[in-house]
Amino acid sequence: MSTKIYLSEVMMPSQTNPSGNVHGGELMKMMDSTAYAAARKFCRSNVVTARVDELEFHTPILIGDLVTCTAEVIYVGHTSMEVAVNVEVEVLEAEQGPQHALSAYFTMVALDRNGRPMTVPKLVLETDEAKAAFEEARKRHELYHERKKQRELQKQMKKQEEGKG
């Protein structure tokens, strides 16, 4: 089953600043909506965004440009999924074709009808590319959780020190 979702939209004046550049928040919302659709299609339940990796804008996006988001589930854990989201921009008045604009990884958590995290299906990896993406995502997942543990330990140590003083 494909987990890939595409969402395209022509950027309008209401989505831009006075200079005609599309607001980053508009693009983030579009990316989040695309990640949501891919994750929901994959797990067949409601999902919420738990985390978004760094966003780096590579090219300006202006009024009238066609923006296409592509989202695909590349990793699954117990209750969460990592969705790779890529954004391309195409200047419709030019003939150069789509350009890479930005990308990010969204961590989405599946929720049951009571709003509690639920187990997601296993991801079937059919290509070498899918296996490599899964492995890279697994490493990011482990690194994130290791950093989270370190932050928790630092908080505990700080509380203990404050209690002694």
Protein backbone atom coordinates (compact mmCIF):
# COMPACT_ATOMS: atom_id res chain seq x y z
CA MET A 1 0.00 0.00 0.00
CA SER A 2 1.37 3.39 -0.97
CA THR A 3 1.58 5.95 1.78
CA LYS A 4 2.50 8.80 -0.54
CA ILE A 5 0.23 11.87 -0.63
CA TYR A 6 0.48 14.94 -2.87
CA LEU A 7 -1.06 18.33 -2.16
CA SER A 8 -0.71 21.25 -4.59
CA GLU A 9 -1.85 24.83 -4.28
CA VAL A 10 -1.27 28.10 -6.11
CA MET A 11 -0.12 30.73 -3.60
CA MET A 12 -2.49 33.69 -3.22
CA PRO A 13 -1.98 37.26 -1.93
CA SER A 14 -3.63 36.43 1.42
CA GLN A 15 -0.81 33.93 2.07
CA THR A 16 1.99 36.45 1.66
CA ASN A 17 3.69 39.38 3.34
CA PRO A 18 3.68 42.88 1.75
CA SER A 19 6.69 41.91 -0.42
CA GLY A 20 4.80 38.99 -1.96
CA ASN A 21 6.76 36.25 -0.17
CA VAL A 22 4.65 33.39 1.15
CA HIS A 23 4.62 33.24 4.97
CA GLY A 24 6.58 30.32 6.38
CA GLY A 25 3.62 29.46 8.58
CA GLU A 26 1.43 28.97 5.50
CA LEU A 27 3.93 26.47 4.14
CA MET A 28 4.25 24.73 7.51
CA LYS A 29 0.46 24.37 7.67
CA MET A 30 0.39 22.90 4.17
CA MET A 31 3.20 20.49 5.07
CA ASP A 32 1.43 19.48 8.30
CA SER A 33 -1.82 18.84 6.41
CA THR A 34 0.00 16.65 3.89
CA ALA A 35 1.81 14.72 6.66
CA TYR A 36 -1.53 14.27 8.44
CA ALA A 37 -3.17 12.85 5.32
CA ALA A 38 -0.31 10.39 4.69
CA ALA A 39 -0.23 9.21 8.32
CA ARG A 40 -4.01 8.92 8.57
CA LYS A 41 -4.18 6.97 5.30
CA PHE A 42 -1.48 4.62 6.60
CA CYS A 43 -2.90 3.88 10.06
CA ARG A 44 -6.62 4.46 9.31
CA SER A 45 -7.12 6.49 12.48
CA ASN A 46 -6.86 10.05 13.69
CA VAL A 47 -3.32 11.36 14.13
CA VAL A 48 -1.68 14.38 15.72
CA THR A 49 1.63 16.06 15.09
CA ALA A 50 4.09 15.36 17.91
CA ARG A 51 7.28 16.84 16.48
CA VAL A 52 8.69 18.54 13.40
CA ASP A 53 12.36 18.52 12.49
CA GLU A 54 14.17 21.62 11.34
CA LEU A 55 12.74 23.53 8.40
CA GLU A 56 15.22 25.22 6.11
CA PHE A 57 13.93 27.38 3.27
CA HIS A 58 16.02 27.01 0.10
CA THR A 59 14.20 29.35 -2.26
CA PRO A 60 11.58 32.10 -1.93
CA ILE A 61 7.98 31.28 -2.78
CA LEU A 62 5.91 34.09 -4.24
CA ILE A 63 2.31 34.97 -5.15
CA GLY A 64 1.17 32.82 -8.08
CA ASP A 65 3.75 30.06 -7.57
CA LEU A 66 2.53 26.46 -7.57
CA VAL A 67 3.57 24.69 -4.38
CA THR A 68 3.44 20.89 -4.21
CA CYS A 69 3.94 18.98 -0.96
CA THR A 70 4.74 15.30 -1.08
CA ALA A 71 4.43 13.28 2.13
CA GLU A 72 5.29 9.65 2.73
CA VAL A 73 5.40 7.47 5.84
CA ILE A 74 8.99 6.24 6.04
CA TYR A 75 9.21 4.86 9.59
CA VAL A 76 6.84 3.44 12.17
CA GLY A 77 7.37 2.80 15.84
CA HIS A 78 4.78 1.50 18.29
CA THR A 79 2.31 4.42 18.20
CA SER A 80 4.16 6.96 16.05
CA MET A 81 5.17 7.38 12.44
CA GLU A 82 7.77 9.53 10.77
CA VAL A 83 6.53 11.24 7.64
CA ALA A 84 8.99 12.77 5.17
CA VAL A 85 7.55 15.92 3.62
CA ASN A 86 9.15 17.58 0.61
CA VAL A 87 8.04 20.86 -0.92
CA GLU A 88 8.63 21.89 -4.49
CA VAL A 89 7.81 25.26 -6.01
CA GLU A 90 7.14 25.98 -9.66
CA VAL A 91 7.02 29.44 -11.16
CA LEU A 92 4.14 29.01 -13.56
CA GLU A 93 5.27 31.86 -15.83
CA ALA A 94 8.68 30.21 -16.39
CA GLU A 95 9.65 27.00 -18.12
CA GLN A 96 12.31 25.83 -15.67
CA GLY A 97 10.11 23.28 -13.86
CA PRO A 98 9.75 22.58 -10.14
CA GLN A 99 12.53 23.51 -7.70
CA HIS A 100 13.15 22.03 -4.25
CA ALA A 101 11.96 24.61 -1.69
CA LEU A 102 12.14 22.86 1.69
CA SER A 103 11.67 19.57 3.52
CA ALA A 104 11.14 18.26 7.02
CA TYR A 105 10.31 15.13 8.98
CA PHE A 106 7.02 15.10 10.90
CA THR A 107 6.44 12.69 13.78
CA MET A 108 2.77 11.80 13.89
CA VAL A 109 1.06 9.82 16.68
CA ALA A 110 -1.96 7.61 16.01
CA LEU A 111 -4.93 8.11 18.34
CA ASP A 112 -7.86 5.84 19.14
CA ARG A 113 -11.46 7.07 19.51
CA ASN A 114 -10.71 8.15 23.10
CA GLY A 115 -7.75 10.28 22.04
CA ARG A 116 -5.15 7.86 23.42
CA PRO A 117 -2.10 6.67 21.49
CA MET A 118 -2.71 3.41 19.64
CA THR A 119 -0.52 0.84 17.91
CA VAL A 120 0.17 1.51 14.24
CA PRO A 121 0.50 -1.16 11.54
CA LYS A 122 3.89 -2.42 10.45
CA LEU A 123 5.45 -0.64 7.47
CA VAL A 124 6.17 -2.91 4.53
CA LEU A 125 9.52 -1.94 3.00
CA GLU A 126 9.51 -3.01 -0.63
CA THR A 127 12.55 -1.22 -2.06
CA ASP A 128 16.15 -0.62 -1.06
CA GLU A 129 15.34 3.11 -0.99
CA ALA A 130 12.48 2.49 1.47
CA LYS A 131 14.74 0.32 3.65
CA ALA A 132 17.44 3.02 3.70
CA ALA A 133 14.92 5.75 4.57
CA PHE A 134 13.50 3.56 7.36
CA GLU A 135 16.98 2.96 8.80
CA GLU A 136 17.88 6.67 8.73
CA ALA A 137 14.56 7.50 10.43
CA ARG A 138 15.15 4.81 13.07
CA LYS A 139 18.49 6.42 13.90
CA ARG A 140 16.85 9.88 14.17
CA HIS A 141 14.14 8.38 16.39
CA GLU A 142 16.72 6.78 18.72
CA LEU A 143 18.82 9.97 18.83
CA TYR A 144 15.77 12.07 19.68
CA HIS A 145 14.80 9.73 22.54
CA GLU A 146 18.38 9.66 23.85
CA ARG A 147 18.46 13.48 23.89
CA LYS A 148 15.09 13.53 25.63
CA LYS A 149 16.41 11.20 28.35
CA GLN A 150 19.47 13.43 28.80
CA ARG A 151 17.26 16.52 29.21
CA GLU A 152 15.15 14.72 31.82
CA LEU A 153 18.26 13.68 33.75
CA GLN A 154 19.55 17.26 33.68
CA LYS A 155 16.22 18.52 35.03
CA GLN A 156 16.29 15.98 37.85
CA MET A 157 19.87 16.90 38.77
CA LYS A 158 19.00 20.60 38.78
CA LYS A 159 16.01 19.98 41.09
CA GLN A 160 18.19 17.96 43.44
CA GLU A 161 20.81 20.72 43.54
CA GLU A 162 18.17 23.38 44.19
CA GLY A 163 16.79 21.30 47.06
CA LYS A 164 20.20 21.17 48.75
CA GLY A 165 20.76 24.93 48.61
